């Protein structure tokens, strides 16, 4: 993995391009959306034509961000440059790049990143991809408008779980201060991203909490398509229930199994500092961070649960520490 993102070459490529395609991963989180919008809006301010694509669209909690109405589910037209943000591997973009050229630039902070583009701006020490985007915008000498700052700050807030992850450092708060100097409302962004929930989302939680299990400092639960329909929850994610499970004192690792419309099971892991769940997720074709990772696994719910729980228990008892 490159120790420092090659901003000079990326800057040259971007400056030479007028039609730019930006893509991020399916089931987008706050860092994916924030990074996409932060970079996209800043490039638009510079006079470039920018198309922003997410196959699954944007979660309800992030739709108040300026520019979210521009995000489409499929790329259309021709482009001078293709940039993928916050994706550890190219498969994570889903069908968003079908029929389009291979990515020119890959911007990401996941330690499992496969460096799949011509230029890979990858820094696993960054707390969020939004942090790398901020550095790139500085090198491009682009304006940090309030909408751009709000998008990047949302990425920082969500990927650090409200500045609670172990990789948060003093520089993180210097960056937050610089973003706040544009007059963005940190408390409101925090509330929207991490606190505010719809009635349907909380009702969806109730089905998972009713099935909660614990053994050997491992906590897990599941959510089915029937649960989703009963709660009338529109998303394909877990409505952030995994972050509720990660707050349980008596756990080293928490997991949630979410049935998908295609029949696969989306598995999310959260771990206390010292445990690396990214290595487990990678074995199932996923990835992420040491403390937070995910994978989508083919198979029936019970089958996937048995396999993933067994492998996670081995990691715990084997002391898979970072």
C-alpha atoms as a PDB file:
ATOM      1  CA  UNK A   1       0.000   0.000   0.000  1.00  0.00           C
ATOM      2  CA  UNK A   2       1.303   3.427  -0.880  1.00  0.00           C
ATOM      3  CA  UNK A   3       2.279   5.365   2.225  1.00  0.00           C
ATOM      4  CA  UNK A   4       1.066   8.700   0.888  1.00  0.00           C
ATOM      5  CA  UNK A   5      -1.569   9.451  -1.705  1.00  0.00           C
ATOM      6  CA  UNK A   6      -0.033  10.716  -4.993  1.00  0.00           C
ATOM      7  CA  UNK A   7      -1.906  14.016  -5.029  1.00  0.00           C
ATOM      8  CA  UNK A   8       0.311  15.668  -7.668  1.00  0.00           C
ATOM      9  CA  UNK A   9      -0.584  13.168 -10.391  1.00  0.00           C
ATOM     10  CA  UNK A  10      -4.226  13.166  -9.341  1.00  0.00           C
ATOM     11  CA  UNK A  11      -4.300  16.962  -9.441  1.00  0.00           C
ATOM     12  CA  UNK A  12      -2.865  16.945 -12.971  1.00  0.00           C
ATOM     13  CA  UNK A  13      -5.447  14.415 -14.180  1.00  0.00           C
ATOM     14  CA  UNK A  14      -8.340  16.332 -12.650  1.00  0.00           C
ATOM     15  CA  UNK A  15      -7.127  19.680 -13.962  1.00  0.00           C
ATOM     16  CA  UNK A  16      -6.932  18.240 -17.482  1.00  0.00           C
ATOM     17  CA  UNK A  17     -10.509  16.880 -17.324  1.00  0.00           C
ATOM     18  CA  UNK A  18     -13.834  18.584 -17.964  1.00  0.00           C
ATOM     19  CA  UNK A  19     -16.364  15.717 -17.766  1.00  0.00           C
ATOM     20  CA  UNK A  20     -15.887  13.712 -14.591  1.00  0.00           C
ATOM     21  CA  UNK A  21     -17.736  10.665 -13.278  1.00  0.00           C
ATOM     22  CA  UNK A  22     -17.734  10.086  -9.503  1.00  0.00           C
ATOM     23  CA  UNK A  23     -18.902   6.769  -8.057  1.00  0.00           C
ATOM     24  CA  UNK A  24     -19.059   5.214  -4.595  1.00  0.00           C
ATOM     25  CA  UNK A  25     -20.193   1.922  -3.106  1.00  0.00           C
ATOM     26  CA  UNK A  26     -23.572   0.230  -2.807  1.00  0.00           C
ATOM     27  CA  UNK A  27     -25.448   0.613   0.502  1.00  0.00           C
ATOM     28  CA  UNK A  28     -23.628   3.923   1.032  1.00  0.00           C
ATOM     29  CA  UNK A  29     -22.758   5.241   4.471  1.00  0.00           C
ATOM     30  CA  UNK A  30     -22.087   8.825   5.503  1.00  0.00           C
ATOM     31  CA  UNK A  31     -18.452   8.801   4.424  1.00  0.00           C
ATOM     32  CA  UNK A  32     -19.324   7.436   0.980  1.00  0.00           C
ATOM     33  CA  UNK A  33     -22.016  10.055   0.399  1.00  0.00           C
ATOM     34  CA  UNK A  34     -20.073  12.874   2.060  1.00  0.00           C
ATOM     35  CA  UNK A  35     -16.907  12.163   0.084  1.00  0.00           C
ATOM     36  CA  UNK A  36     -18.819  11.908  -3.189  1.00  0.00           C
ATOM     37  CA  UNK A  37     -20.722  15.142  -2.625  1.00  0.00           C
ATOM     38  CA  UNK A  38     -17.750  17.016  -1.180  1.00  0.00           C
ATOM     39  CA  UNK A  39     -15.568  16.272  -4.189  1.00  0.00           C
ATOM     40  CA  UNK A  40     -18.396  16.546  -6.713  1.00  0.00           C
ATOM     41  CA  UNK A  41     -19.705  19.915  -5.557  1.00  0.00           C
ATOM     42  CA  UNK A  42     -16.202  21.387  -5.345  1.00  0.00           C
ATOM     43  CA  UNK A  43     -15.436  20.248  -8.899  1.00  0.00           C
ATOM     44  CA  UNK A  44     -18.724  21.725 -10.120  1.00  0.00           C
ATOM     45  CA  UNK A  45     -17.790  25.043  -8.490  1.00  0.00           C
ATOM     46  CA  UNK A  46     -14.629  24.991 -10.626  1.00  0.00           C
ATOM     47  CA  UNK A  47     -16.749  24.832 -13.784  1.00  0.00           C
ATOM     48  CA  UNK A  48     -16.451  21.125 -14.547  1.00  0.00           C
ATOM     49  CA  UNK A  49     -19.306  18.851 -15.555  1.00  0.00           C
ATOM     50  CA  UNK A  50     -19.671  16.234 -12.839  1.00  0.00           C
ATOM     51  CA  UNK A  51     -21.953  13.230 -12.640  1.00  0.00           C
ATOM     52  CA  UNK A  52     -22.317  11.519  -9.237  1.00  0.00           C
ATOM     53  CA  UNK A  53     -23.569   7.929  -9.164  1.00  0.00           C
ATOM     54  CA  UNK A  54     -24.591   5.515  -6.393  1.00  0.00           C
ATOM     55  CA  UNK A  55     -26.426   2.390  -7.515  1.00  0.00           C
ATOM     56  CA  UNK A  56     -28.557   2.259  -4.341  1.00  0.00           C
ATOM     57  CA  UNK A  57     -29.220   5.987  -4.055  1.00  0.00           C
ATOM     58  CA  UNK A  58     -28.891   7.902  -0.775  1.00  0.00           C
ATOM     59  CA  UNK A  59     -30.123   6.907   2.705  1.00  0.00           C
ATOM     60  CA  UNK A  60     -32.975   9.050   4.029  1.00  0.00           C
ATOM     61  CA  UNK A  61     -30.810  10.426   6.850  1.00  0.00           C
ATOM     62  CA  UNK A  62     -28.412  12.036   4.331  1.00  0.00           C
ATOM     63  CA  UNK A  63     -30.867  13.486   1.825  1.00  0.00           C
ATOM     64  CA  UNK A  64     -30.758  16.964   3.332  1.00  0.00           C
ATOM     65  CA  UNK A  65     -27.158  17.420   2.211  1.00  0.00           C
ATOM     66  CA  UNK A  66     -26.890  19.936  -0.611  1.00  0.00           C
ATOM     67  CA  UNK A  67     -26.420  18.184  -3.942  1.00  0.00           C
ATOM     68  CA  UNK A  68     -28.024  14.910  -2.880  1.00  0.00           C
ATOM     69  CA  UNK A  69     -30.771  15.459  -5.458  1.00  0.00           C
ATOM     70  CA  UNK A  70     -28.116  15.287  -8.205  1.00  0.00           C
ATOM     71  CA  UNK A  71     -27.034  11.755  -7.357  1.00  0.00           C
ATOM     72  CA  UNK A  72     -28.272   9.224  -9.881  1.00  0.00           C
ATOM     73  CA  UNK A  73     -28.274   5.427  -9.907  1.00  0.00           C
ATOM     74  CA  UNK A  74     -26.697   4.914 -13.334  1.00  0.00           C
ATOM     75  CA  UNK A  75     -23.997   6.762 -15.276  1.00  0.00           C
ATOM     76  CA  UNK A  76     -24.954   8.223 -18.639  1.00  0.00           C
ATOM     77  CA  UNK A  77     -22.752   9.776 -21.312  1.00  0.00           C
ATOM     78  CA  UNK A  78     -19.000   9.923 -21.912  1.00  0.00           C
ATOM     79  CA  UNK A  79     -16.338  11.039 -19.451  1.00  0.00           C
ATOM     80  CA  UNK A  80     -12.738  12.244 -19.440  1.00  0.00           C
ATOM     81  CA  UNK A  81     -12.096  10.892 -15.951  1.00  0.00           C
ATOM     82  CA  UNK A  82     -13.593   8.236 -13.663  1.00  0.00           C
ATOM     83  CA  UNK A  83     -13.053   8.523  -9.893  1.00  0.00           C
ATOM     84  CA  UNK A  84     -14.172   5.959  -7.302  1.00  0.00           C
ATOM     85  CA  UNK A  85     -14.338   7.041  -3.648  1.00  0.00           C
ATOM     86  CA  UNK A  86     -14.537   5.052  -0.396  1.00  0.00           C
ATOM     87  CA  UNK A  87     -14.423   1.603  -2.069  1.00  0.00           C
ATOM     88  CA  UNK A  88     -11.978  -1.075  -0.955  1.00  0.00           C
ATOM     89  CA  UNK A  89     -12.543  -3.085  -4.151  1.00  0.00           C
ATOM     90  CA  UNK A  90     -14.155  -2.412  -7.505  1.00  0.00           C
ATOM     91  CA  UNK A  91     -16.952  -4.910  -6.900  1.00  0.00           C
ATOM     92  CA  UNK A  92     -18.330  -2.601  -4.212  1.00  0.00           C
ATOM     93  CA  UNK A  93     -19.622  -0.127  -6.810  1.00  0.00           C
ATOM     94  CA  UNK A  94     -22.170  -2.683  -8.019  1.00  0.00           C
ATOM     95  CA  UNK A  95     -23.394  -1.936 -11.550  1.00  0.00           C
ATOM     96  CA  UNK A  96     -22.680   1.795 -11.402  1.00  0.00           C
ATOM     97  CA  UNK A  97     -19.722   1.503 -13.792  1.00  0.00           C
ATOM     98  CA  UNK A  98     -21.216  -1.040 -16.196  1.00  0.00           C
ATOM     99  CA  UNK A  99     -20.161  -0.115 -19.733  1.00  0.00           C
ATOM    100  CA  UNK A 100     -17.830   2.638 -18.491  1.00  0.00           C
ATOM    101  CA  UNK A 101     -14.010   2.801 -18.572  1.00  0.00           C
ATOM    102  CA  UNK A 102     -11.930   1.420 -15.707  1.00  0.00           C
ATOM    103  CA  UNK A 103     -11.400   3.927 -12.868  1.00  0.00           C
ATOM    104  CA  UNK A 104      -8.602   6.449 -13.274  1.00  0.00           C
ATOM    105  CA  UNK A 105      -8.437   7.400  -9.595  1.00  0.00           C
ATOM    106  CA  UNK A 106      -9.313   5.432  -6.447  1.00  0.00           C
ATOM    107  CA  UNK A 107      -9.633   7.485  -3.235  1.00  0.00           C
ATOM    108  CA  UNK A 108     -10.044   5.471  -0.044  1.00  0.00           C
ATOM    109  CA  UNK A 109      -8.917   4.834   3.536  1.00  0.00           C
ATOM    110  CA  UNK A 110      -9.740   1.136   4.026  1.00  0.00           C
ATOM    111  CA  UNK A 111      -6.777  -1.036   4.963  1.00  0.00           C
ATOM    112  CA  UNK A 112      -8.166  -3.780   2.696  1.00  0.00           C
ATOM    113  CA  UNK A 113      -8.133  -1.558  -0.415  1.00  0.00           C
ATOM    114  CA  UNK A 114      -7.056  -3.504  -3.522  1.00  0.00           C
ATOM    115  CA  UNK A 115      -5.636  -0.447  -5.379  1.00  0.00           C
ATOM    116  CA  UNK A 116      -7.649  -1.175  -8.520  1.00  0.00           C
ATOM    117  CA  UNK A 117      -7.210   2.146 -10.370  1.00  0.00           C
ATOM    118  CA  UNK A 118      -4.433   3.770 -12.355  1.00  0.00           C
ATOM    119  CA  UNK A 119      -3.851   6.146  -9.436  1.00  0.00           C
ATOM    120  CA  UNK A 120      -4.625   5.042  -5.875  1.00  0.00           C
ATOM    121  CA  UNK A 121      -4.963   7.750  -3.234  1.00  0.00           C
ATOM    122  CA  UNK A 122      -5.127   5.335  -0.310  1.00  0.00           C
ATOM    123  CA  UNK A 123      -4.255   6.173   3.290  1.00  0.00           C
ATOM    124  CA  UNK A 124      -5.363   3.690   5.943  1.00  0.00           C
ATOM    125  CA  UNK A 125      -4.366   6.165   8.664  1.00  0.00           C
ATOM    126  CA  UNK A 126      -7.040   8.654   7.580  1.00  0.00           C
ATOM    127  CA  UNK A 127     -10.130   8.453   9.793  1.00  0.00           C
ATOM    128  CA  UNK A 128     -12.388   8.760   6.753  1.00  0.00           C
ATOM    129  CA  UNK A 129     -12.149   9.071   2.996  1.00  0.00           C
ATOM    130  CA  UNK A 130     -13.483  12.599   3.517  1.00  0.00           C
ATOM    131  CA  UNK A 131     -10.152  13.478   5.143  1.00  0.00           C
ATOM    132  CA  UNK A 132      -8.287  12.505   1.963  1.00  0.00           C
ATOM    133  CA  UNK A 133     -10.786  14.420  -0.178  1.00  0.00           C
ATOM    134  CA  UNK A 134     -10.121  17.532   1.914  1.00  0.00           C
ATOM    135  CA  UNK A 135      -6.367  17.239   1.273  1.00  0.00           C
ATOM    136  CA  UNK A 136      -7.001  16.778  -2.455  1.00  0.00           C
ATOM    137  CA  UNK A 137      -9.241  19.850  -2.609  1.00  0.00           C
ATOM    138  CA  UNK A 138      -6.469  21.868  -0.972  1.00  0.00           C
ATOM    139  CA  UNK A 139      -3.983  20.672  -3.602  1.00  0.00           C
ATOM    140  CA  UNK A 140      -6.481  21.550  -6.335  1.00  0.00           C
ATOM    141  CA  UNK A 141      -6.909  24.993  -4.726  1.00  0.00           C
ATOM    142  CA  UNK A 142     -10.689  24.616  -4.845  1.00  0.00           C
ATOM    143  CA  UNK A 143     -13.045  26.646  -2.675  1.00  0.00           C
ATOM    144  CA  UNK A 144     -14.326  25.128   0.561  1.00  0.00           C
ATOM    145  CA  UNK A 145     -17.949  26.261   0.369  1.00  0.00           C
ATOM    146  CA  UNK A 146     -20.449  25.481   3.163  1.00  0.00           C
ATOM    147  CA  UNK A 147     -22.106  22.650   1.155  1.00  0.00           C
ATOM    148  CA  UNK A 148     -18.710  21.053   0.479  1.00  0.00           C
ATOM    149  CA  UNK A 149     -17.693  21.433   4.120  1.00  0.00           C
ATOM    150  CA  UNK A 150     -21.014  19.980   5.345  1.00  0.00           C
ATOM    151  CA  UNK A 151     -20.577  16.922   3.132  1.00  0.00           C
ATOM    152  CA  UNK A 152     -17.005  16.284   4.288  1.00  0.00           C
ATOM    153  CA  UNK A 153     -17.897  16.879   7.933  1.00  0.00           C
ATOM    154  CA  UNK A 154     -20.714  14.333   7.605  1.00  0.00           C
ATOM    155  CA  UNK A 155     -18.149  11.821   6.372  1.00  0.00           C
ATOM    156  CA  UNK A 156     -15.933  12.467   9.387  1.00  0.00           C
ATOM    157  CA  UNK A 157     -18.804  12.288  11.875  1.00  0.00           C
ATOM    158  CA  UNK A 158     -20.240   9.030  10.582  1.00  0.00           C
ATOM    159  CA  UNK A 159     -17.050   7.053   9.970  1.00  0.00           C
ATOM    160  CA  UNK A 160     -15.699   7.909  13.434  1.00  0.00           C
ATOM    161  CA  UNK A 161     -19.103   7.188  15.045  1.00  0.00           C
ATOM    162  CA  UNK A 162     -19.145  10.709  16.420  1.00  0.00           C
ATOM    163  CA  UNK A 163     -15.356  10.833  17.017  1.00  0.00           C
ATOM    164  CA  UNK A 164     -15.413   7.662  19.143  1.00  0.00           C
ATOM    165  CA  UNK A 165     -13.207   5.361  17.068  1.00  0.00           C
ATOM    166  CA  UNK A 166      -9.658   4.600  18.202  1.00  0.00           C
ATOM    167  CA  UNK A 167      -8.073   6.158  15.088  1.00  0.00           C
ATOM    168  CA  UNK A 168      -9.278   9.673  15.971  1.00  0.00           C
ATOM    169  CA  UNK A 169      -6.265  11.916  16.587  1.00  0.00           C
ATOM    170  CA  UNK A 170      -5.647  15.632  17.288  1.00  0.00           C
ATOM    171  CA  UNK A 171      -5.421  16.359  13.544  1.00  0.00           C
ATOM    172  CA  UNK A 172      -8.991  15.122  13.196  1.00  0.00           C
ATOM    173  CA  UNK A 173     -10.256  17.994  15.320  1.00  0.00           C
ATOM    174  CA  UNK A 174      -8.081  20.526  13.513  1.00  0.00           C
ATOM    175  CA  UNK A 175      -9.809  19.420  10.325  1.00  0.00           C
ATOM    176  CA  UNK A 176     -13.230  19.642  11.980  1.00  0.00           C
ATOM    177  CA  UNK A 177     -12.412  23.200  13.088  1.00  0.00           C
ATOM    178  CA  UNK A 178     -11.423  24.212   9.565  1.00  0.00           C
ATOM    179  CA  UNK A 179     -14.676  22.818   8.201  1.00  0.00           C
ATOM    180  CA  UNK A 180     -16.701  24.565  10.902  1.00  0.00           C
ATOM    181  CA  UNK A 181     -15.087  27.882   9.956  1.00  0.00           C
ATOM    182  CA  UNK A 182     -17.282  27.831   6.819  1.00  0.00           C
ATOM    183  CA  UNK A 183     -20.308  28.259   9.153  1.00  0.00           C
ATOM    184  CA  UNK A 184     -21.583  24.683   8.890  1.00  0.00           C
ATOM    185  CA  UNK A 185     -23.687  23.547  11.838  1.00  0.00           C
ATOM    186  CA  UNK A 186     -21.813  20.665  13.515  1.00  0.00           C
ATOM    187  CA  UNK A 187     -24.519  19.832  16.105  1.00  0.00           C
ATOM    188  CA  UNK A 188     -27.204  19.653  13.415  1.00  0.00           C
ATOM    189  CA  UNK A 189     -25.068  17.498  11.100  1.00  0.00           C
ATOM    190  CA  UNK A 190     -24.285  15.220  14.053  1.00  0.00           C
ATOM    191  CA  UNK A 191     -27.973  14.944  14.965  1.00  0.00           C
ATOM    192  CA  UNK A 192     -29.050  14.093  11.417  1.00  0.00           C
ATOM    193  CA  UNK A 193     -26.279  11.565  10.852  1.00  0.00           C
ATOM    194  CA  UNK A 194     -26.143   9.727  14.182  1.00  0.00           C
ATOM    195  CA  UNK A 195     -29.111  10.600  16.394  1.00  0.00           C
ATOM    196  CA  UNK A 196     -32.227  11.186  14.286  1.00  0.00           C
ATOM    197  CA  UNK A 197     -34.177   8.031  13.325  1.00  0.00           C
ATOM    198  CA  UNK A 198     -37.475   7.425  11.595  1.00  0.00           C
ATOM    199  CA  UNK A 199     -40.265   5.523  13.351  1.00  0.00           C
ATOM    200  CA  UNK A 200     -39.872   2.732  10.771  1.00  0.00           C
ATOM    201  CA  UNK A 201     -36.132   2.415  11.494  1.00  0.00           C
ATOM    202  CA  UNK A 202     -36.668   2.072  15.243  1.00  0.00           C
ATOM    203  CA  UNK A 203     -39.482  -0.432  14.693  1.00  0.00           C
ATOM    204  CA  UNK A 204     -37.082  -2.391  12.455  1.00  0.00           C
ATOM    205  CA  UNK A 205     -34.600  -2.409  15.362  1.00  0.00           C
ATOM    206  CA  UNK A 206     -37.219  -4.057  17.562  1.00  0.00           C
ATOM    207  CA  UNK A 207     -37.180  -7.218  15.456  1.00  0.00           C
ATOM    208  CA  UNK A 208     -33.412  -7.486  15.718  1.00  0.00           C
ATOM    209  CA  UNK A 209     -33.310  -6.716  19.438  1.00  0.00           C
ATOM    210  CA  UNK A 210     -35.906  -9.427  20.096  1.00  0.00           C
ATOM    211  CA  UNK A 211     -33.506 -11.981  18.564  1.00  0.00           C
ATOM    212  CA  UNK A 212     -30.344 -10.706  20.262  1.00  0.00           C
ATOM    213  CA  UNK A 213     -27.889 -13.414  21.399  1.00  0.00           C
ATOM    214  CA  UNK A 214     -24.644 -13.411  23.326  1.00  0.00           C
ATOM    215  CA  UNK A 215     -21.863 -15.954  23.938  1.00  0.00           C
ATOM    216  CA  UNK A 216     -18.186 -15.602  24.856  1.00  0.00           C
ATOM    217  CA  UNK A 217     -18.107 -11.817  24.469  1.00  0.00           C
ATOM    218  CA  UNK A 218     -19.685 -12.093  21.022  1.00  0.00           C
ATOM    219  CA  UNK A 219     -23.092 -10.458  20.426  1.00  0.00           C
ATOM    220  CA  UNK A 220     -25.219 -10.971  17.320  1.00  0.00           C
ATOM    221  CA  UNK A 221     -28.699 -10.752  15.831  1.00  0.00           C
ATOM    222  CA  UNK A 222     -30.481 -10.930  12.487  1.00  0.00           C
ATOM    223  CA  UNK A 223     -32.988  -9.030  10.372  1.00  0.00           C
ATOM    224  CA  UNK A 224     -35.035 -10.725   7.653  1.00  0.00           C
ATOM    225  CA  UNK A 225     -37.001  -9.461   4.685  1.00  0.00           C
ATOM    226  CA  UNK A 226     -40.174 -10.270   6.648  1.00  0.00           C
ATOM    227  CA  UNK A 227     -38.913  -8.029   9.475  1.00  0.00           C
ATOM    228  CA  UNK A 228     -38.297  -5.262   6.949  1.00  0.00           C
ATOM    229  CA  UNK A 229     -41.799  -5.545   5.520  1.00  0.00           C
ATOM    230  CA  UNK A 230     -43.405  -5.662   8.975  1.00  0.00           C
ATOM    231  CA  UNK A 231     -41.577  -2.470   9.973  1.00  0.00           C
ATOM    232  CA  UNK A 232     -42.232  -0.855   6.574  1.00  0.00           C
ATOM    233  CA  UNK A 233     -38.541   0.093   6.518  1.00  0.00           C
ATOM    234  CA  UNK A 234     -37.523   1.171   2.981  1.00  0.00           C
ATOM    235  CA  UNK A 235     -33.747   0.635   3.119  1.00  0.00           C
ATOM    236  CA  UNK A 236     -31.653  -2.484   2.540  1.00  0.00           C
ATOM    237  CA  UNK A 237     -29.381  -1.813   5.509  1.00  0.00           C
ATOM    238  CA  UNK A 238     -29.760  -2.469   9.245  1.00  0.00           C
ATOM    239  CA  UNK A 239     -30.864   1.113  10.054  1.00  0.00           C
ATOM    240  CA  UNK A 240     -27.607   1.439  12.064  1.00  0.00           C
ATOM    241  CA  UNK A 241     -28.653  -1.203  14.583  1.00  0.00           C
ATOM    242  CA  UNK A 242     -25.077  -2.540  14.472  1.00  0.00           C
ATOM    243  CA  UNK A 243     -23.892   0.628  16.197  1.00  0.00           C
ATOM    244  CA  UNK A 244     -26.397   0.040  18.983  1.00  0.00           C
ATOM    245  CA  UNK A 245     -25.035  -3.477  19.460  1.00  0.00           C
ATOM    246  CA  UNK A 246     -21.484  -2.148  19.549  1.00  0.00           C
ATOM    247  CA  UNK A 247     -22.369  -0.121  22.658  1.00  0.00           C
ATOM    248  CA  UNK A 248     -22.980  -3.262  24.753  1.00  0.00           C
ATOM    249  CA  UNK A 249     -20.401  -3.469  27.548  1.00  0.00           C
ATOM    250  CA  UNK A 250     -20.133  -7.247  27.622  1.00  0.00           C
ATOM    251  CA  UNK A 251     -18.822  -7.692  24.111  1.00  0.00           C
ATOM    252  CA  UNK A 252     -15.586  -7.699  22.137  1.00  0.00           C
ATOM    253  CA  UNK A 253     -17.295  -8.157  18.758  1.00  0.00           C
ATOM    254  CA  UNK A 254     -20.878  -7.522  17.644  1.00  0.00           C
ATOM    255  CA  UNK A 255     -22.430  -8.826  14.415  1.00  0.00           C
ATOM    256  CA  UNK A 256     -25.651  -8.373  12.524  1.00  0.00           C
ATOM    257  CA  UNK A 257     -27.009 -10.521   9.686  1.00  0.00           C
ATOM    258  CA  UNK A 258     -29.356  -8.733   7.277  1.00  0.00           C
ATOM    259  CA  UNK A 259     -31.242 -10.612   4.566  1.00  0.00           C
ATOM    260  CA  UNK A 260     -31.102  -8.890   1.171  1.00  0.00           C
ATOM    261  CA  UNK A 261     -33.673  -8.839  -1.663  1.00  0.00           C
ATOM    262  CA  UNK A 262     -31.299 -10.942  -3.813  1.00  0.00           C
ATOM    263  CA  UNK A 263     -31.249 -13.688  -1.177  1.00  0.00           C
ATOM    264  CA  UNK A 264     -27.741 -12.941   0.077  1.00  0.00           C
ATOM    265  CA  UNK A 265     -26.973 -12.054   3.685  1.00  0.00           C
ATOM    266  CA  UNK A 266     -25.218  -8.783   4.504  1.00  0.00           C
ATOM    267  CA  UNK A 267     -22.979  -9.277   7.548  1.00  0.00           C
ATOM    268  CA  UNK A 268     -21.615  -6.357   9.566  1.00  0.00           C
ATOM    269  CA  UNK A 269     -18.968  -6.587  12.287  1.00  0.00           C
ATOM    270  CA  UNK A 270     -17.973  -4.097  14.979  1.00  0.00           C
ATOM    271  CA  UNK A 271     -15.054  -4.708  17.334  1.00  0.00           C
ATOM    272  CA  UNK A 272     -13.509  -3.209  20.425  1.00  0.00           C
ATOM    273  CA  UNK A 273      -9.970  -1.791  20.039  1.00  0.00           C
ATOM    274  CA  UNK A 274      -7.425  -4.563  19.701  1.00  0.00           C
ATOM    275  CA  UNK A 275      -9.507  -6.908  17.557  1.00  0.00           C
ATOM    276  CA  UNK A 276      -9.314  -7.010  13.762  1.00  0.00           C
ATOM    277  CA  UNK A 277     -12.593  -8.000  12.112  1.00  0.00           C
ATOM    278  CA  UNK A 278     -11.487  -6.812   8.675  1.00  0.00           C
ATOM    279  CA  UNK A 279      -9.449 -10.014   8.259  1.00  0.00           C
ATOM    280  CA  UNK A 280     -12.588 -12.077   8.898  1.00  0.00           C
ATOM    281  CA  UNK A 281     -14.718 -10.015   6.507  1.00  0.00           C
ATOM    282  CA  UNK A 282     -12.052 -10.320   3.808  1.00  0.00           C
ATOM    283  CA  UNK A 283     -12.259 -14.115   3.985  1.00  0.00           C
ATOM    284  CA  UNK A 284     -15.920 -13.792   2.959  1.00  0.00           C
ATOM    285  CA  UNK A 285     -15.165 -11.410   0.094  1.00  0.00           C
ATOM    286  CA  UNK A 286     -15.726  -8.245   2.115  1.00  0.00           C
ATOM    287  CA  UNK A 287     -13.457  -5.756   3.835  1.00  0.00           C
ATOM    288  CA  UNK A 288     -13.316  -2.633   5.936  1.00  0.00           C
ATOM    289  CA  UNK A 289     -11.424  -1.538   9.011  1.00  0.00           C
ATOM    290  CA  UNK A 290     -10.046  -3.419  11.989  1.00  0.00           C
ATOM    291  CA  UNK A 291     -12.931  -2.164  14.139  1.00  0.00           C
ATOM    292  CA  UNK A 292     -15.699  -2.103  11.518  1.00  0.00           C
ATOM    293  CA  UNK A 293     -16.120  -4.371   8.511  1.00  0.00           C
ATOM    294  CA  UNK A 294     -18.729  -6.016   6.327  1.00  0.00           C
ATOM    295  CA  UNK A 295     -19.385  -8.629   3.665  1.00  0.00           C
ATOM    296  CA  UNK A 296     -22.309  -9.855   1.577  1.00  0.00           C
ATOM    297  CA  UNK A 297     -22.430 -13.652   1.669  1.00  0.00           C
ATOM    298  CA  UNK A 298     -24.546 -15.956  -0.541  1.00  0.00           C
ATOM    299  CA  UNK A 299     -26.655 -18.520   1.289  1.00  0.00           C
ATOM    300  CA  UNK A 300     -29.581 -18.984   3.647  1.00  0.00           C
ATOM    301  CA  UNK A 301     -29.669 -17.032   6.905  1.00  0.00           C
ATOM    302  CA  UNK A 302     -28.864 -19.928   9.252  1.00  0.00           C
ATOM    303  CA  UNK A 303     -26.110 -21.261   7.001  1.00  0.00           C
ATOM    304  CA  UNK A 304     -24.395 -17.879   6.768  1.00  0.00           C
ATOM    305  CA  UNK A 305     -24.787 -17.255  10.492  1.00  0.00           C
ATOM    306  CA  UNK A 306     -23.181 -20.583  11.361  1.00  0.00           C
ATOM    307  CA  UNK A 307     -20.203 -20.011   9.053  1.00  0.00           C
ATOM    308  CA  UNK A 308     -19.578 -16.380   9.985  1.00  0.00           C
ATOM    309  CA  UNK A 309     -20.029 -16.926  13.729  1.00  0.00           C
ATOM    310  CA  UNK A 310     -17.663 -19.890  13.701  1.00  0.00           C
ATOM    311  CA  UNK A 311     -14.995 -17.937  11.846  1.00  0.00           C
ATOM    312  CA  UNK A 312     -15.418 -14.916  14.122  1.00  0.00           C
ATOM    313  CA  UNK A 313     -15.145 -17.082  17.250  1.00  0.00           C
ATOM    314  CA  UNK A 314     -11.887 -18.491  15.916  1.00  0.00           C
ATOM    315  CA  UNK A 315     -10.567 -14.980  15.423  1.00  0.00           C
ATOM    316  CA  UNK A 316     -11.571 -14.041  18.963  1.00  0.00           C
ATOM    317  CA  UNK A 317     -10.141 -17.108  20.670  1.00  0.00           C
ATOM    318  CA  UNK A 318      -7.060 -17.049  18.454  1.00  0.00           C
ATOM    319  CA  UNK A 319      -6.324 -13.521  19.559  1.00  0.00           C
ATOM    320  CA  UNK A 320      -6.469 -11.929  16.123  1.00  0.00           C
ATOM    321  CA  UNK A 321      -5.268  -8.592  17.502  1.00  0.00           C
ATOM    322  CA  UNK A 322      -4.029  -5.661  15.516  1.00  0.00           C
END
